[in-house]
Amino acid sequence: MNSIDDVRKSGRDGKKSTWHLLFHLPTYREAVAFTIQAGTIVNEIRLENFDGTNQQELKLPHLQFDSTEAIELAIYDFALVEGDGHTVIFSGYHFKAIKENNIPFLTVVGTLNAKMAEIHFNAATGEYLGWTESHS
């Protein structure tokens, strides 16, 4: 699950208007991708022969640490700055929620030193897990 660029500086409050979600049906090798904009499904794509062997299930109980808390830490503790749509391809802040190695991640995406950067938190506990920065 991740936010999608709405071509405006948004996300400072931990909220985004447009999201992309992927639901995988592991027993059928199928998935459905949804785009949700302002609470309404605006696009739905069925993916057949989807190889989800590397996908891990992210359930609502895994998401106890909210994006409103994560954005505050990312800005004040790590000096993350919003994307400007020019130096980096996106505007504002973005969010991702995934599960990898049995750890639920909530990631805040922005910029550090004019490069795309991601601040990673445990989505269940709020524990800081690390950060990454693009080299381009």
C-alpha atoms as a PDB file:
ATOM      1  CA  MET A   1       0.000   0.000   0.000  1.00  0.00           C
ATOM      2  CA  ASN A   2       1.420   3.383  -0.912  1.00  0.00           C
ATOM      3  CA  SER A   3       0.327   6.946  -1.492  1.00  0.00           C
ATOM      4  CA  ILE A   4       0.367   8.315  -5.021  1.00  0.00           C
ATOM      5  CA  ASP A   5       1.603  11.742  -6.064  1.00  0.00           C
ATOM      6  CA  ASP A   6      -1.269  14.207  -6.328  1.00  0.00           C
ATOM      7  CA  VAL A   7       1.055  16.869  -7.840  1.00  0.00           C
ATOM      8  CA  ARG A   8       0.752  19.164  -4.862  1.00  0.00           C
ATOM      9  CA  LYS A   9       2.641  19.562  -1.638  1.00  0.00           C
ATOM     10  CA  SER A  10       0.573  17.384   0.653  1.00  0.00           C
ATOM     11  CA  GLY A  11       1.179  14.801   3.350  1.00  0.00           C
ATOM     12  CA  ARG A  12       2.531  17.178   6.004  1.00  0.00           C
ATOM     13  CA  ASP A  13      -0.389  16.177   8.215  1.00  0.00           C
ATOM     14  CA  GLY A  14       0.175  12.453   7.600  1.00  0.00           C
ATOM     15  CA  LYS A  15      -2.714  12.280   5.140  1.00  0.00           C
ATOM     16  CA  LYS A  16      -2.772  11.760   1.349  1.00  0.00           C
ATOM     17  CA  SER A  17      -5.794  11.871  -0.939  1.00  0.00           C
ATOM     18  CA  THR A  18      -4.719   9.131  -3.351  1.00  0.00           C
ATOM     19  CA  TRP A  19      -3.549   5.592  -2.533  1.00  0.00           C
ATOM     20  CA  HIS A  20      -2.635   2.433  -4.407  1.00  0.00           C
ATOM     21  CA  LEU A  21      -3.422  -0.916  -2.764  1.00  0.00           C
ATOM     22  CA  LEU A  22      -2.626  -4.435  -3.914  1.00  0.00           C
ATOM     23  CA  PHE A  23      -4.635  -7.420  -2.704  1.00  0.00           C
ATOM     24  CA  HIS A  24      -3.106 -10.785  -3.489  1.00  0.00           C
ATOM     25  CA  LEU A  25      -5.058 -14.042  -3.551  1.00  0.00           C
ATOM     26  CA  PRO A  26      -2.230 -16.535  -2.957  1.00  0.00           C
ATOM     27  CA  THR A  27      -4.235 -19.683  -3.636  1.00  0.00           C
ATOM     28  CA  TYR A  28      -5.294 -18.420  -7.073  1.00  0.00           C
ATOM     29  CA  ARG A  29      -2.161 -16.598  -8.345  1.00  0.00           C
ATOM     30  CA  GLU A  30      -4.308 -13.533  -8.796  1.00  0.00           C
ATOM     31  CA  ALA A  31      -4.222 -10.029  -7.410  1.00  0.00           C
ATOM     32  CA  VAL A  32      -6.354  -6.918  -7.617  1.00  0.00           C
ATOM     33  CA  ALA A  33      -4.865  -3.429  -7.628  1.00  0.00           C
ATOM     34  CA  PHE A  34      -7.037  -0.533  -6.509  1.00  0.00           C
ATOM     35  CA  THR A  35      -6.512   3.198  -6.747  1.00  0.00           C
ATOM     36  CA  ILE A  36      -8.462   5.094  -4.108  1.00  0.00           C
ATOM     37  CA  GLN A  37      -8.901   8.838  -4.398  1.00  0.00           C
ATOM     38  CA  ALA A  38     -10.648  10.863  -1.691  1.00  0.00           C
ATOM     39  CA  GLY A  39     -12.197   7.660  -0.294  1.00  0.00           C
ATOM     40  CA  THR A  40     -13.548   6.406  -3.627  1.00  0.00           C
ATOM     41  CA  ILE A  41     -12.199   3.563  -5.769  1.00  0.00           C
ATOM     42  CA  VAL A  42     -11.321   5.217  -9.089  1.00  0.00           C
ATOM     43  CA  ASN A  43      -9.442   2.346 -10.744  1.00  0.00           C
ATOM     44  CA  GLU A  44      -9.371  -1.422 -10.393  1.00  0.00           C
ATOM     45  CA  ILE A  45      -7.054  -3.788 -12.251  1.00  0.00           C
ATOM     46  CA  ARG A  46      -7.202  -7.568 -12.049  1.00  0.00           C
ATOM     47  CA  LEU A  47      -3.765  -9.190 -12.310  1.00  0.00           C
ATOM     48  CA  GLU A  48      -3.775 -12.795 -13.485  1.00  0.00           C
ATOM     49  CA  ASN A  49      -0.815 -15.172 -13.070  1.00  0.00           C
ATOM     50  CA  PHE A  50       0.495 -12.894 -10.336  1.00  0.00           C
ATOM     51  CA  ASP A  51       3.583 -14.295  -8.635  1.00  0.00           C
ATOM     52  CA  GLY A  52       3.139 -13.233  -5.047  1.00  0.00           C
ATOM     53  CA  THR A  53       5.652 -15.631  -3.514  1.00  0.00           C
ATOM     54  CA  ASN A  54       7.604 -12.707  -2.026  1.00  0.00           C
ATOM     55  CA  GLN A  55       4.505 -10.912  -0.738  1.00  0.00           C
ATOM     56  CA  GLN A  56       3.734 -11.007   2.976  1.00  0.00           C
ATOM     57  CA  GLU A  57       0.282 -10.360   4.369  1.00  0.00           C
ATOM     58  CA  LEU A  58      -0.151  -7.014   6.088  1.00  0.00           C
ATOM     59  CA  LYS A  59      -3.165  -6.984   8.398  1.00  0.00           C
ATOM     60  CA  LEU A  60      -4.841  -4.104  10.190  1.00  0.00           C
ATOM     61  CA  PRO A  61      -3.423  -5.117  13.629  1.00  0.00           C
ATOM     62  CA  HIS A  62       0.064  -4.639  12.102  1.00  0.00           C
ATOM     63  CA  LEU A  63      -0.727  -0.939  11.545  1.00  0.00           C
ATOM     64  CA  GLN A  64      -0.832   0.515  15.056  1.00  0.00           C
ATOM     65  CA  PHE A  65       1.655   3.337  14.424  1.00  0.00           C
ATOM     66  CA  ASP A  66      -0.146   6.051  12.488  1.00  0.00           C
ATOM     67  CA  SER A  67       1.212   8.151   9.615  1.00  0.00           C
ATOM     68  CA  THR A  68       0.404  11.312  11.599  1.00  0.00           C
ATOM     69  CA  GLU A  69       2.918  10.204  14.247  1.00  0.00           C
ATOM     70  CA  ALA A  70       5.448   8.962  11.684  1.00  0.00           C
ATOM     71  CA  ILE A  71       5.516  12.237   9.743  1.00  0.00           C
ATOM     72  CA  GLU A  72       6.210  14.233  12.904  1.00  0.00           C
ATOM     73  CA  LEU A  73       9.205  12.048  13.779  1.00  0.00           C
ATOM     74  CA  ALA A  74      10.473  12.056  10.194  1.00  0.00           C
ATOM     75  CA  ILE A  75      10.399  15.856  10.045  1.00  0.00           C
ATOM     76  CA  TYR A  76      11.557  16.773  13.548  1.00  0.00           C
ATOM     77  CA  ASP A  77      13.979  13.935  14.331  1.00  0.00           C
ATOM     78  CA  PHE A  78      15.419  13.368  10.837  1.00  0.00           C
ATOM     79  CA  ALA A  79      14.839  16.720   9.073  1.00  0.00           C
ATOM     80  CA  LEU A  80      12.951  15.074   6.215  1.00  0.00           C
ATOM     81  CA  VAL A  81      11.726  17.675   3.710  1.00  0.00           C
ATOM     82  CA  GLU A  82       8.830  17.352   1.277  1.00  0.00           C
ATOM     83  CA  GLY A  83       9.468  16.643  -2.391  1.00  0.00           C
ATOM     84  CA  ASP A  84       9.182  19.685  -4.631  1.00  0.00           C
ATOM     85  CA  GLY A  85       8.248  17.953  -7.906  1.00  0.00           C
ATOM     86  CA  HIS A  86      11.411  19.267  -9.592  1.00  0.00           C
ATOM     87  CA  THR A  87      14.521  18.103  -7.719  1.00  0.00           C
ATOM     88  CA  VAL A  88      12.742  14.805  -7.132  1.00  0.00           C
ATOM     89  CA  ILE A  89       9.864  13.460  -9.195  1.00  0.00           C
ATOM     90  CA  PHE A  90       7.181  13.780  -6.478  1.00  0.00           C
ATOM     91  CA  SER A  91       5.526  16.602  -4.555  1.00  0.00           C
ATOM     92  CA  GLY A  92       4.946  16.572  -0.810  1.00  0.00           C
ATOM     93  CA  TYR A  93       5.489  13.635   1.522  1.00  0.00           C
ATOM     94  CA  HIS A  94       4.507  10.058   0.736  1.00  0.00           C
ATOM     95  CA  PHE A  95       3.790   6.925   2.742  1.00  0.00           C
ATOM     96  CA  LYS A  96       4.239   3.188   2.220  1.00  0.00           C
ATOM     97  CA  ALA A  97       3.052   0.241   4.290  1.00  0.00           C
ATOM     98  CA  ILE A  98       4.555  -3.178   3.598  1.00  0.00           C
ATOM     99  CA  LYS A  99       5.546  -6.306   5.460  1.00  0.00           C
ATOM    100  CA  GLU A 100       8.998  -7.752   4.862  1.00  0.00           C
ATOM    101  CA  ASN A 101      10.873 -10.412   6.849  1.00  0.00           C
ATOM    102  CA  ASN A 102       7.781 -10.578   9.079  1.00  0.00           C
ATOM    103  CA  ILE A 103       8.230  -6.916  10.056  1.00  0.00           C
ATOM    104  CA  PRO A 104       5.445  -4.449   9.236  1.00  0.00           C
ATOM    105  CA  PHE A 105       6.986  -1.257   7.873  1.00  0.00           C
ATOM    106  CA  LEU A 106       5.498   2.228   7.723  1.00  0.00           C
ATOM    107  CA  THR A 107       7.755   4.391   5.598  1.00  0.00           C
ATOM    108  CA  VAL A 108       7.695   8.158   5.176  1.00  0.00           C
ATOM    109  CA  VAL A 109       9.139   9.341   1.857  1.00  0.00           C
ATOM    110  CA  GLY A 110      10.548  12.825   1.340  1.00  0.00           C
ATOM    111  CA  THR A 111      13.930  14.392   0.638  1.00  0.00           C
ATOM    112  CA  LEU A 112      17.229  14.882   2.450  1.00  0.00           C
ATOM    113  CA  ASN A 113      19.907  17.007   0.798  1.00  0.00           C
ATOM    114  CA  ALA A 114      17.744  17.262  -2.363  1.00  0.00           C
ATOM    115  CA  LYS A 115      17.706  13.443  -2.735  1.00  0.00           C
ATOM    116  CA  MET A 116      14.791  11.091  -2.243  1.00  0.00           C
ATOM    117  CA  ALA A 117      14.907   9.586   1.241  1.00  0.00           C
ATOM    118  CA  GLU A 118      12.801   7.085   3.169  1.00  0.00           C
ATOM    119  CA  ILE A 119      12.479   6.914   6.960  1.00  0.00           C
ATOM    120  CA  HIS A 120      11.359   3.440   8.073  1.00  0.00           C
ATOM    121  CA  PHE A 121       9.363   2.633  11.225  1.00  0.00           C
ATOM    122  CA  ASN A 122       7.884  -0.565  12.622  1.00  0.00           C
ATOM    123  CA  ALA A 123       4.181  -0.097  11.799  1.00  0.00           C
ATOM    124  CA  ALA A 124       3.108  -2.040  14.901  1.00  0.00           C
ATOM    125  CA  THR A 125       5.351  -0.409  17.524  1.00  0.00           C
ATOM    126  CA  GLY A 126       6.596   2.880  16.051  1.00  0.00           C
ATOM    127  CA  GLU A 127      10.211   1.788  16.543  1.00  0.00           C
ATOM    128  CA  TYR A 128      12.657   3.512  14.171  1.00  0.00           C
ATOM    129  CA  LEU A 129      14.142   0.894  11.812  1.00  0.00           C
ATOM    130  CA  GLY A 130      16.484   2.922   9.603  1.00  0.00           C
ATOM    131  CA  TRP A 131      16.554   5.115   6.552  1.00  0.00           C
ATOM    132  CA  THR A 132      17.574   4.978   2.914  1.00  0.00           C
ATOM    133  CA  GLU A 133      18.560   7.683   0.452  1.00  0.00           C
ATOM    134  CA  SER A 134      18.740   7.525  -3.324  1.00  0.00           C
ATOM    135  CA  HIS A 135      22.125   8.172  -4.900  1.00  0.00           C
ATOM    136  CA  SER A 136      20.824   9.882  -8.020  1.00  0.00           C
END
